[in-house]
Amino acid sequence: MDQDNQINLDDLSTYQQPLKNKQNNMALASLIMGIIGIVTSCCCFGGLIFGSLGIVFALLSKTQDRFEGNALAGLITSIIGLVFTAIVFILFVGSGLMKELAAGGGF
């Protein structure tokens, strides 16, 4: 009867902790590039370069036809950075053309 209530210590030593998912470094790089792309979108080349790199890293980190959390966030922030860069570029070109036309110049 005492043998049924005893705990076998050999069974307890074989317990293994669950394995954590390994973080995808490309997805993290995509997120960082997307954030830097948004911050540097006022500089035409900064937003363009970092936004493009963020999209490339997000696409390279895609696993099994799915994006993980950081890759999806990196893709979205990179696209936002590119859109902001395009808006800033259009505003700069538009304001330059308006000044030229207001000064009486033309094409």
PDB file of N, CA and C in Angstrom:
ATOM      1  N   MET A   1       0.822  -1.185   0.000  1.00  0.00           N
ATOM      2  CA  MET A   1       0.000   0.000   0.000  1.00  0.00           C
ATOM      3  C   MET A   1       0.868   1.251   0.000  1.00  0.00           C
ATOM      4  N   ASP A   2       1.993   1.257   0.696  1.00  0.00           N
ATOM      5  CA  ASP A   2       2.882   2.403   0.692  1.00  0.00           C
ATOM      6  C   ASP A   2       3.529   2.622  -0.669  1.00  0.00           C
ATOM      7  N   GLN A   3       3.695   1.571  -1.422  1.00  0.00           N
ATOM      8  CA  GLN A   3       4.339   1.694  -2.724  1.00  0.00           C
ATOM      9  C   GLN A   3       3.465   2.432  -3.728  1.00  0.00           C
ATOM     10  N   ASP A   4       2.168   2.339  -3.614  1.00  0.00           N
ATOM     11  CA  ASP A   4       1.269   3.024  -4.536  1.00  0.00           C
ATOM     12  C   ASP A   4       1.285   4.540  -4.332  1.00  0.00           C
ATOM     13  N   ASN A   5       1.510   4.996  -3.091  1.00  0.00           N
ATOM     14  CA  ASN A   5       1.487   6.415  -2.780  1.00  0.00           C
ATOM     15  C   ASN A   5       2.836   7.095  -2.968  1.00  0.00           C
ATOM     16  N   GLN A   6       3.874   6.347  -3.229  1.00  0.00           N
ATOM     17  CA  GLN A   6       5.196   6.929  -3.376  1.00  0.00           C
ATOM     18  C   GLN A   6       5.357   7.550  -4.764  1.00  0.00           C
ATOM     19  N   ILE A   7       6.144   8.615  -4.818  1.00  0.00           N
ATOM     20  CA  ILE A   7       6.427   9.292  -6.079  1.00  0.00           C
ATOM     21  C   ILE A   7       7.761   8.794  -6.595  1.00  0.00           C
ATOM     22  N   ASN A   8       7.789   8.436  -7.826  1.00  0.00           N
ATOM     23  CA  ASN A   8       9.021   7.961  -8.434  1.00  0.00           C
ATOM     24  C   ASN A   8       9.842   9.181  -8.855  1.00  0.00           C
ATOM     25  N   LEU A   9      10.985   9.396  -8.250  1.00  0.00           N
ATOM     26  CA  LEU A   9      11.826  10.559  -8.547  1.00  0.00           C
ATOM     27  C   LEU A   9      12.452  10.490  -9.930  1.00  0.00           C
ATOM     28  N   ASP A  10      12.576   9.318 -10.493  1.00  0.00           N
ATOM     29  CA  ASP A  10      13.135   9.186 -11.840  1.00  0.00           C
ATOM     30  C   ASP A  10      12.205   9.798 -12.882  1.00  0.00           C
ATOM     31  N   ASP A  11      10.900   9.707 -12.661  1.00  0.00           N
ATOM     32  CA  ASP A  11       9.945  10.299 -13.599  1.00  0.00           C
ATOM     33  C   ASP A  11       9.998  11.823 -13.552  1.00  0.00           C
ATOM     34  N   LEU A  12      10.267  12.402 -12.397  1.00  0.00           N
ATOM     35  CA  LEU A  12      10.316  13.853 -12.281  1.00  0.00           C
ATOM     36  C   LEU A  12      11.558  14.449 -12.950  1.00  0.00           C
ATOM     37  N   SER A  13      12.623  13.713 -13.019  1.00  0.00           N
ATOM     38  CA  SER A  13      13.851  14.255 -13.609  1.00  0.00           C
ATOM     39  C   SER A  13      13.794  14.314 -15.120  1.00  0.00           C
ATOM     40  N   THR A  14      12.836  13.664 -15.744  1.00  0.00           N
ATOM     41  CA  THR A  14      12.751  13.678 -17.207  1.00  0.00           C
ATOM     42  C   THR A  14      11.850  14.780 -17.734  1.00  0.00           C
ATOM     43  N   TYR A  15      11.316  15.596 -16.858  1.00  0.00           N
ATOM     44  CA  TYR A  15      10.466  16.697 -17.306  1.00  0.00           C
ATOM     45  C   TYR A  15      11.306  17.727 -18.041  1.00  0.00           C
ATOM     46  N   GLN A  16      10.826  18.156 -19.182  1.00  0.00           N
ATOM     47  CA  GLN A  16      11.520  19.172 -19.966  1.00  0.00           C
ATOM     48  C   GLN A  16      10.622  20.387 -20.106  1.00  0.00           C
ATOM     49  N   GLN A  17      11.233  21.534 -20.054  1.00  0.00           N
ATOM     50  CA  GLN A  17      10.470  22.754 -20.238  1.00  0.00           C
ATOM     51  C   GLN A  17      10.060  22.873 -21.700  1.00  0.00           C
ATOM     52  N   PRO A  18       8.906  23.475 -21.951  1.00  0.00           N
ATOM     53  CA  PRO A  18       8.487  23.639 -23.341  1.00  0.00           C
ATOM     54  C   PRO A  18       9.457  24.556 -24.082  1.00  0.00           C
ATOM     55  N   LEU A  19       9.690  24.229 -25.323  1.00  0.00           N
ATOM     56  CA  LEU A  19      10.604  25.023 -26.133  1.00  0.00           C
ATOM     57  C   LEU A  19       9.920  26.305 -26.588  1.00  0.00           C
ATOM     58  N   LYS A  20      10.657  27.392 -26.534  1.00  0.00           N
ATOM     59  CA  LYS A  20      10.130  28.663 -27.009  1.00  0.00           C
ATOM     60  C   LYS A  20      10.387  28.784 -28.497  1.00  0.00           C
ATOM     61  N   ASN A  21       9.495  29.486 -29.167  1.00  0.00           N
ATOM     62  CA  ASN A  21       9.702  29.721 -30.591  1.00  0.00           C
ATOM     63  C   ASN A  21      10.899  30.636 -30.779  1.00  0.00           C
ATOM     64  N   LYS A  22      11.730  30.294 -31.723  1.00  0.00           N
ATOM     65  CA  LYS A  22      12.893  31.117 -32.006  1.00  0.00           C
ATOM     66  C   LYS A  22      12.441  32.363 -32.760  1.00  0.00           C
ATOM     67  N   GLN A  23      12.947  33.507 -32.333  1.00  0.00           N
ATOM     68  CA  GLN A  23      12.553  34.760 -32.951  1.00  0.00           C
ATOM     69  C   GLN A  23      13.235  34.910 -34.305  1.00  0.00           C
ATOM     70  N   ASN A  24      12.482  35.370 -35.272  1.00  0.00           N
ATOM     71  CA  ASN A  24      13.005  35.564 -36.612  1.00  0.00           C
ATOM     72  C   ASN A  24      13.695  36.927 -36.669  1.00  0.00           C
ATOM     73  N   ASN A  25      14.985  36.925 -36.908  1.00  0.00           N
ATOM     74  CA  ASN A  25      15.743  38.176 -36.920  1.00  0.00           C
ATOM     75  C   ASN A  25      15.407  39.041 -38.125  1.00  0.00           C
ATOM     76  N   MET A  26      15.053  38.425 -39.246  1.00  0.00           N
ATOM     77  CA  MET A  26      14.663  39.209 -40.426  1.00  0.00           C
ATOM     78  C   MET A  26      13.372  39.982 -40.162  1.00  0.00           C
ATOM     79  N   ALA A  27      12.453  39.368 -39.440  1.00  0.00           N
ATOM     80  CA  ALA A  27      11.201  40.043 -39.111  1.00  0.00           C
ATOM     81  C   ALA A  27      11.463  41.235 -38.196  1.00  0.00           C
ATOM     82  N   LEU A  28      12.360  41.053 -37.242  1.00  0.00           N
ATOM     83  CA  LEU A  28      12.713  42.154 -36.344  1.00  0.00           C
ATOM     84  C   LEU A  28      13.423  43.271 -37.106  1.00  0.00           C
ATOM     85  N   ALA A  29      14.299  42.908 -38.030  1.00  0.00           N
ATOM     86  CA  ALA A  29      14.979  43.911 -38.862  1.00  0.00           C
ATOM     87  C   ALA A  29      13.973  44.664 -39.721  1.00  0.00           C
ATOM     88  N   SER A  30      12.964  43.967 -40.215  1.00  0.00           N
ATOM     89  CA  SER A  30      11.918  44.616 -41.008  1.00  0.00           C
ATOM     90  C   SER A  30      11.158  45.643 -40.178  1.00  0.00           C
ATOM     91  N   LEU A  31      10.846  45.288 -38.944  1.00  0.00           N
ATOM     92  CA  LEU A  31      10.137  46.224 -38.059  1.00  0.00           C
ATOM     93  C   LEU A  31      10.995  47.451 -37.763  1.00  0.00           C
ATOM     94  N   ILE A  32      12.267  47.232 -37.488  1.00  0.00           N
ATOM     95  CA  ILE A  32      13.164  48.356 -37.200  1.00  0.00           C
ATOM     96  C   ILE A  32      13.318  49.254 -38.421  1.00  0.00           C
ATOM     97  N   MET A  33      13.489  48.666 -39.602  1.00  0.00           N
ATOM     98  CA  MET A  33      13.618  49.462 -40.834  1.00  0.00           C
ATOM     99  C   MET A  33      12.333  50.232 -41.126  1.00  0.00           C
ATOM    100  N   GLY A  34      11.196  49.638 -40.839  1.00  0.00           N
ATOM    101  CA  GLY A  34       9.929  50.338 -41.053  1.00  0.00           C
ATOM    102  C   GLY A  34       9.782  51.538 -40.143  1.00  0.00           C
ATOM    103  N   ILE A  35      10.180  51.385 -38.888  1.00  0.00           N
ATOM    104  CA  ILE A  35      10.093  52.509 -37.941  1.00  0.00           C
ATOM    105  C   ILE A  35      11.064  53.611 -38.346  1.00  0.00           C
ATOM    106  N   ILE A  36      12.286  53.235 -38.718  1.00  0.00           N
ATOM    107  CA  ILE A  36      13.259  54.237 -39.163  1.00  0.00           C
ATOM    108  C   ILE A  36      12.775  54.902 -40.452  1.00  0.00           C
ATOM    109  N   GLY A  37      12.107  54.132 -41.319  1.00  0.00           N
ATOM    110  CA  GLY A  37      11.548  54.698 -42.553  1.00  0.00           C
ATOM    111  C   GLY A  37      10.494  55.751 -42.285  1.00  0.00           C
ATOM    112  N   ILE A  38       9.656  55.522 -41.273  1.00  0.00           N
ATOM    113  CA  ILE A  38       8.646  56.523 -40.920  1.00  0.00           C
ATOM    114  C   ILE A  38       9.314  57.778 -40.362  1.00  0.00           C
ATOM    115  N   VAL A  39      10.299  57.579 -39.484  1.00  0.00           N
ATOM    116  CA  VAL A  39      10.966  58.719 -38.851  1.00  0.00           C
ATOM    117  C   VAL A  39      11.719  59.553 -39.889  1.00  0.00           C
ATOM    118  N   THR A  40      12.361  58.898 -40.851  1.00  0.00           N
ATOM    119  CA  THR A  40      13.159  59.622 -41.844  1.00  0.00           C
ATOM    120  C   THR A  40      12.394  59.899 -43.133  1.00  0.00           C
ATOM    121  N   SER A  41      11.077  59.845 -43.088  1.00  0.00           N
ATOM    122  CA  SER A  41      10.307  60.073 -44.312  1.00  0.00           C
ATOM    123  C   SER A  41      10.369  61.526 -44.780  1.00  0.00           C
ATOM    124  N   CYS A  42      10.750  62.441 -43.900  1.00  0.00           N
ATOM    125  CA  CYS A  42      10.888  63.830 -44.331  1.00  0.00           C
ATOM    126  C   CYS A  42      12.133  64.012 -45.204  1.00  0.00           C
ATOM    127  N   CYS A  43      13.086  63.118 -45.107  1.00  0.00           N
ATOM    128  CA  CYS A  43      14.256  63.101 -45.989  1.00  0.00           C
ATOM    129  C   CYS A  43      13.946  62.094 -47.086  1.00  0.00           C
ATOM    130  N   CYS A  44      13.900  62.549 -48.308  1.00  0.00           N
ATOM    131  CA  CYS A  44      13.434  61.686 -49.396  1.00  0.00           C
ATOM    132  C   CYS A  44      14.205  60.373 -49.481  1.00  0.00           C
ATOM    133  N   PHE A  45      15.504  60.438 -49.353  1.00  0.00           N
ATOM    134  CA  PHE A  45      16.270  59.210 -49.518  1.00  0.00           C
ATOM    135  C   PHE A  45      16.189  58.308 -48.301  1.00  0.00           C
ATOM    136  N   GLY A  46      16.099  58.860 -47.116  1.00  0.00           N
ATOM    137  CA  GLY A  46      16.021  58.044 -45.908  1.00  0.00           C
ATOM    138  C   GLY A  46      14.771  57.192 -45.871  1.00  0.00           C
ATOM    139  N   GLY A  47      13.623  57.787 -46.092  1.00  0.00           N
ATOM    140  CA  GLY A  47      12.369  57.036 -46.083  1.00  0.00           C
ATOM    141  C   GLY A  47      12.290  56.029 -47.202  1.00  0.00           C
ATOM    142  N   LEU A  48      12.842  56.398 -48.352  1.00  0.00           N
ATOM    143  CA  LEU A  48      12.818  55.496 -49.501  1.00  0.00           C
ATOM    144  C   LEU A  48      13.711  54.279 -49.258  1.00  0.00           C
ATOM    145  N   ILE A  49      14.904  54.511 -48.761  1.00  0.00           N
ATOM    146  CA  ILE A  49      15.846  53.409 -48.534  1.00  0.00           C
ATOM    147  C   ILE A  49      15.365  52.493 -47.414  1.00  0.00           C
ATOM    148  N   PHE A  50      15.043  53.062 -46.255  1.00  0.00           N
ATOM    149  CA  PHE A  50      14.651  52.232 -45.116  1.00  0.00           C
ATOM    150  C   PHE A  50      13.295  51.562 -45.330  1.00  0.00           C
ATOM    151  N   GLY A  51      12.378  52.251 -45.984  1.00  0.00           N
ATOM    152  CA  GLY A  51      11.081  51.636 -46.282  1.00  0.00           C
ATOM    153  C   GLY A  51      11.214  50.466 -47.236  1.00  0.00           C
ATOM    154  N   SER A  52      12.054  50.623 -48.243  1.00  0.00           N
ATOM    155  CA  SER A  52      12.271  49.536 -49.200  1.00  0.00           C
ATOM    156  C   SER A  52      12.963  48.346 -48.536  1.00  0.00           C
ATOM    157  N   LEU A  53      13.966  48.629 -47.720  1.00  0.00           N
ATOM    158  CA  LEU A  53      14.651  47.543 -47.010  1.00  0.00           C
ATOM    159  C   LEU A  53      13.707  46.814 -46.061  1.00  0.00           C
ATOM    160  N   GLY A  54      12.814  47.555 -45.418  1.00  0.00           N
ATOM    161  CA  GLY A  54      11.844  46.934 -44.516  1.00  0.00           C
ATOM    162  C   GLY A  54      10.915  45.984 -45.244  1.00  0.00           C
ATOM    163  N   ILE A  55      10.481  46.366 -46.440  1.00  0.00           N
ATOM    164  CA  ILE A  55       9.614  45.486 -47.231  1.00  0.00           C
ATOM    165  C   ILE A  55      10.375  44.240 -47.662  1.00  0.00           C
ATOM    166  N   VAL A  56      11.622  44.410 -48.100  1.00  0.00           N
ATOM    167  CA  VAL A  56      12.432  43.261 -48.520  1.00  0.00           C
ATOM    168  C   VAL A  56      12.655  42.303 -47.355  1.00  0.00           C
ATOM    169  N   PHE A  57      13.000  42.834 -46.187  1.00  0.00           N
ATOM    170  CA  PHE A  57      13.226  41.975 -45.022  1.00  0.00           C
ATOM    171  C   PHE A  57      11.944  41.267 -44.594  1.00  0.00           C
ATOM    172  N   ALA A  58      10.814  41.948 -44.699  1.00  0.00           N
ATOM    173  CA  ALA A  58       9.543  41.314 -44.326  1.00  0.00           C
ATOM    174  C   ALA A  58       9.224  40.165 -45.276  1.00  0.00           C
ATOM    175  N   LEU A  59       9.467  40.367 -46.562  1.00  0.00           N
ATOM    176  CA  LEU A  59       9.187  39.303 -47.521  1.00  0.00           C
ATOM    177  C   LEU A  59      10.155  38.134 -47.359  1.00  0.00           C
ATOM    178  N   LEU A  60      11.402  38.413 -46.992  1.00  0.00           N
ATOM    179  CA  LEU A  60      12.368  37.343 -46.783  1.00  0.00           C
ATOM    180  C   LEU A  60      12.098  36.556 -45.500  1.00  0.00           C
ATOM    181  N   SER A  61      11.442  37.166 -44.539  1.00  0.00           N
ATOM    182  CA  SER A  61      11.176  36.479 -43.272  1.00  0.00           C
ATOM    183  C   SER A  61       9.894  35.671 -43.298  1.00  0.00           C
ATOM    184  N   LYS A  62       9.183  35.714 -44.381  1.00  0.00           N
ATOM    185  CA  LYS A  62       7.911  34.997 -44.499  1.00  0.00           C
ATOM    186  C   LYS A  62       8.158  33.495 -44.392  1.00  0.00           C
ATOM    187  N   THR A  63       7.442  32.840 -43.489  1.00  0.00           N
ATOM    188  CA  THR A  63       7.606  31.403 -43.294  1.00  0.00           C
ATOM    189  C   THR A  63       6.294  30.693 -43.549  1.00  0.00           C
ATOM    190  N   GLN A  64       6.350  29.658 -44.327  1.00  0.00           N
ATOM    191  CA  GLN A  64       5.189  28.813 -44.611  1.00  0.00           C
ATOM    192  C   GLN A  64       3.977  29.611 -45.068  1.00  0.00           C
ATOM    193  N   ASP A  65       4.184  30.498 -46.011  1.00  0.00           N
ATOM    194  CA  ASP A  65       3.114  31.323 -46.590  1.00  0.00           C
ATOM    195  C   ASP A  65       2.377  32.173 -45.559  1.00  0.00           C
ATOM    196  N   ARG A  66       3.051  32.495 -44.438  1.00  0.00           N
ATOM    197  CA  ARG A  66       2.453  33.336 -43.407  1.00  0.00           C
ATOM    198  C   ARG A  66       3.478  34.336 -42.917  1.00  0.00           C
ATOM    199  N   PHE A  67       2.977  35.475 -42.497  1.00  0.00           N
ATOM    200  CA  PHE A  67       3.824  36.472 -41.852  1.00  0.00           C
ATOM    201  C   PHE A  67       3.627  36.347 -40.350  1.00  0.00           C
ATOM    202  N   GLU A  68       4.715  36.347 -39.593  1.00  0.00           N
ATOM    203  CA  GLU A  68       4.569  36.382 -38.150  1.00  0.00           C
ATOM    204  C   GLU A  68       4.372  37.828 -37.718  1.00  0.00           C
ATOM    205  N   GLY A  69       4.186  38.054 -36.426  1.00  0.00           N
ATOM    206  CA  GLY A  69       3.804  39.377 -35.920  1.00  0.00           C
ATOM    207  C   GLY A  69       4.759  40.491 -36.289  1.00  0.00           C
ATOM    208  N   ASN A  70       6.058  40.300 -36.038  1.00  0.00           N
ATOM    209  CA  ASN A  70       7.028  41.354 -36.337  1.00  0.00           C
ATOM    210  C   ASN A  70       7.154  41.603 -37.831  1.00  0.00           C
ATOM    211  N   ALA A  71       7.048  40.553 -38.636  1.00  0.00           N
ATOM    212  CA  ALA A  71       7.166  40.718 -40.084  1.00  0.00           C
ATOM    213  C   ALA A  71       5.977  41.506 -40.637  1.00  0.00           C
ATOM    214  N   LEU A  72       4.802  41.203 -40.135  1.00  0.00           N
ATOM    215  CA  LEU A  72       3.614  41.933 -40.596  1.00  0.00           C
ATOM    216  C   LEU A  72       3.666  43.390 -40.152  1.00  0.00           C
ATOM    217  N   ALA A  73       4.076  43.621 -38.918  1.00  0.00           N
ATOM    218  CA  ALA A  73       4.212  44.998 -38.428  1.00  0.00           C
ATOM    219  C   ALA A  73       5.290  45.740 -39.205  1.00  0.00           C
ATOM    220  N   GLY A  74       6.385  45.062 -39.527  1.00  0.00           N
ATOM    221  CA  GLY A  74       7.451  45.674 -40.318  1.00  0.00           C
ATOM    222  C   GLY A  74       6.993  46.013 -41.725  1.00  0.00           C
ATOM    223  N   LEU A  75       6.209  45.120 -42.319  1.00  0.00           N
ATOM    224  CA  LEU A  75       5.680  45.381 -43.659  1.00  0.00           C
ATOM    225  C   LEU A  75       4.756  46.597 -43.653  1.00  0.00           C
ATOM    226  N   ILE A  76       3.892  46.676 -42.664  1.00  0.00           N
ATOM    227  CA  ILE A  76       2.948  47.797 -42.581  1.00  0.00           C
ATOM    228  C   ILE A  76       3.681  49.109 -42.321  1.00  0.00           C
ATOM    229  N   THR A  77       4.622  49.122 -41.379  1.00  0.00           N
ATOM    230  CA  THR A  77       5.340  50.366 -41.097  1.00  0.00           C
ATOM    231  C   THR A  77       6.223  50.788 -42.263  1.00  0.00           C
ATOM    232  N   SER A  78       6.760  49.838 -43.009  1.00  0.00           N
ATOM    233  CA  SER A  78       7.565  50.175 -44.187  1.00  0.00           C
ATOM    234  C   SER A  78       6.712  50.797 -45.280  1.00  0.00           C
ATOM    235  N   ILE A  79       5.527  50.253 -45.484  1.00  0.00           N
ATOM    236  CA  ILE A  79       4.616  50.820 -46.486  1.00  0.00           C
ATOM    237  C   ILE A  79       4.182  52.224 -46.068  1.00  0.00           C
ATOM    238  N   ILE A  80       3.894  52.413 -44.785  1.00  0.00           N
ATOM    239  CA  ILE A  80       3.533  53.744 -44.286  1.00  0.00           C
ATOM    240  C   ILE A  80       4.686  54.718 -44.502  1.00  0.00           C
ATOM    241  N   GLY A  81       5.915  54.286 -44.226  1.00  0.00           N
ATOM    242  CA  GLY A  81       7.084  55.136 -44.451  1.00  0.00           C
ATOM    243  C   GLY A  81       7.245  55.524 -45.912  1.00  0.00           C
ATOM    244  N   LEU A  82       7.009  54.574 -46.827  1.00  0.00           N
ATOM    245  CA  LEU A  82       7.101  54.892 -48.256  1.00  0.00           C
ATOM    246  C   LEU A  82       5.996  55.854 -48.695  1.00  0.00           C
ATOM    247  N   VAL A  83       4.802  55.672 -48.148  1.00  0.00           N
ATOM    248  CA  VAL A  83       3.691  56.578 -48.492  1.00  0.00           C
ATOM    249  C   VAL A  83       3.987  57.989 -47.982  1.00  0.00           C
ATOM    250  N   PHE A  84       4.480  58.106 -46.746  1.00  0.00           N
ATOM    251  CA  PHE A  84       4.857  59.422 -46.220  1.00  0.00           C
ATOM    252  C   PHE A  84       5.947  60.062 -47.062  1.00  0.00           C
ATOM    253  N   THR A  85       6.911  59.260 -47.492  1.00  0.00           N
ATOM    254  CA  THR A  85       7.986  59.783 -48.329  1.00  0.00           C
ATOM    255  C   THR A  85       7.438  60.304 -49.652  1.00  0.00           C
ATOM    256  N   ALA A  86       6.519  59.572 -50.245  1.00  0.00           N
ATOM    257  CA  ALA A  86       5.912  60.012 -51.512  1.00  0.00           C
ATOM    258  C   ALA A  86       5.124  61.311 -51.310  1.00  0.00           C
ATOM    259  N   ILE A  87       4.398  61.413 -50.216  1.00  0.00           N
ATOM    260  CA  ILE A  87       3.633  62.636 -49.943  1.00  0.00           C
ATOM    261  C   ILE A  87       4.567  63.828 -49.760  1.00  0.00           C
ATOM    262  N   VAL A  88       5.638  63.639 -48.998  1.00  0.00           N
ATOM    263  CA  VAL A  88       6.602  64.727 -48.780  1.00  0.00           C
ATOM    264  C   VAL A  88       7.252  65.129 -50.091  1.00  0.00           C
ATOM    265  N   PHE A  89       7.596  64.153 -50.920  1.00  0.00           N
ATOM    266  CA  PHE A  89       8.207  64.452 -52.221  1.00  0.00           C
ATOM    267  C   PHE A  89       7.252  65.232 -53.108  1.00  0.00           C
ATOM    268  N   ILE A  90       6.000  64.812 -53.140  1.00  0.00           N
ATOM    269  CA  ILE A  90       5.003  65.522 -53.959  1.00  0.00           C
ATOM    270  C   ILE A  90       4.802  66.946 -53.450  1.00  0.00           C
ATOM    271  N   LEU A  91       4.768  67.136 -52.137  1.00  0.00           N
ATOM    272  CA  LEU A  91       4.603  68.476 -51.579  1.00  0.00           C
ATOM    273  C   LEU A  91       5.802  69.373 -51.902  1.00  0.00           C
ATOM    274  N   PHE A  92       7.019  68.815 -51.813  1.00  0.00           N
ATOM    275  CA  PHE A  92       8.204  69.604 -52.143  1.00  0.00           C
ATOM    276  C   PHE A  92       8.228  69.992 -53.612  1.00  0.00           C
ATOM    277  N   VAL A  93       7.933  69.049 -54.489  1.00  0.00           N
ATOM    278  CA  VAL A  93       7.918  69.347 -55.924  1.00  0.00           C
ATOM    279  C   VAL A  93       6.783  70.316 -56.239  1.00  0.00           C
ATOM    280  N   GLY A  94       5.626  70.105 -55.637  1.00  0.00           N
ATOM    281  CA  GLY A  94       4.494  70.999 -55.886  1.00  0.00           C
ATOM    282  C   GLY A  94       4.754  72.409 -55.392  1.00  0.00           C
ATOM    283  N   SER A  95       5.357  72.546 -54.236  1.00  0.00           N
ATOM    284  CA  SER A  95       5.632  73.894 -53.731  1.00  0.00           C
ATOM    285  C   SER A  95       6.714  74.576 -54.564  1.00  0.00           C
ATOM    286  N   GLY A  96       7.671  73.822 -55.069  1.00  0.00           N
ATOM    287  CA  GLY A  96       8.701  74.400 -55.940  1.00  0.00           C
ATOM    288  C   GLY A  96       8.112  74.886 -57.253  1.00  0.00           C
ATOM    289  N   LEU A  97       7.196  74.119 -57.805  1.00  0.00           N
ATOM    290  CA  LEU A  97       6.555  74.532 -59.049  1.00  0.00           C
ATOM    291  C   LEU A  97       5.662  75.741 -58.828  1.00  0.00           C
ATOM    292  N   MET A  98       4.972  75.793 -57.713  1.00  0.00           N
ATOM    293  CA  MET A  98       4.106  76.930 -57.425  1.00  0.00           C
ATOM    294  C   MET A  98       4.924  78.210 -57.249  1.00  0.00           C
ATOM    295  N   LYS A  99       6.068  78.125 -56.596  1.00  0.00           N
ATOM    296  CA  LYS A  99       6.920  79.299 -56.443  1.00  0.00           C
ATOM    297  C   LYS A  99       7.434  79.775 -57.790  1.00  0.00           C
ATOM    298  N   GLU A 100       7.773  78.819 -58.646  1.00  0.00           N
ATOM    299  CA  GLU A 100       8.288  79.164 -59.977  1.00  0.00           C
ATOM    300  C   GLU A 100       7.189  79.840 -60.808  1.00  0.00           C
ATOM    301  N   LEU A 101       5.995  79.302 -60.751  1.00  0.00           N
ATOM    302  CA  LEU A 101       4.888  79.904 -61.509  1.00  0.00           C
ATOM    303  C   LEU A 101       4.485  81.257 -60.927  1.00  0.00           C
ATOM    304  N   ALA A 102       4.552  81.404 -59.595  1.00  0.00           N
ATOM    305  CA  ALA A 102       4.191  82.672 -58.973  1.00  0.00           C
ATOM    306  C   ALA A 102       5.202  83.757 -59.304  1.00  0.00           C
ATOM    307  N   ALA A 103       6.431  83.373 -59.531  1.00  0.00           N
ATOM    308  CA  ALA A 103       7.477  84.352 -59.865  1.00  0.00           C
ATOM    309  C   ALA A 103       7.440  84.750 -61.330  1.00  0.00           C
ATOM    310  N   GLY A 104       6.524  84.171 -62.068  1.00  0.00           N
ATOM    311  CA  GLY A 104       6.394  84.530 -63.480  1.00  0.00           C
ATOM    312  C   GLY A 104       7.181  83.623 -64.407  1.00  0.00           C
ATOM    313  N   GLY A 105       7.800  82.636 -63.854  1.00  0.00           N
ATOM    314  CA  GLY A 105       8.561  81.695 -64.687  1.00  0.00           C
ATOM    315  C   GLY A 105       7.643  80.637 -65.250  1.00  0.00           C
ATOM    316  N   GLY A 106       8.154  79.967 -66.168  1.00  0.00           N
ATOM    317  CA  GLY A 106       7.370  78.879 -66.767  1.00  0.00           C
ATOM    318  C   GLY A 106       8.278  77.736 -67.112  1.00  0.00           C
ATOM    319  N   PHE A 107       7.747  76.868 -67.864  1.00  0.00           N
ATOM    320  CA  PHE A 107       8.546  75.709 -68.255  1.00  0.00           C
ATOM    321  C   PHE A 107       9.412  76.087 -69.367  1.00  0.00           C
TER     322      PHE A 107
END
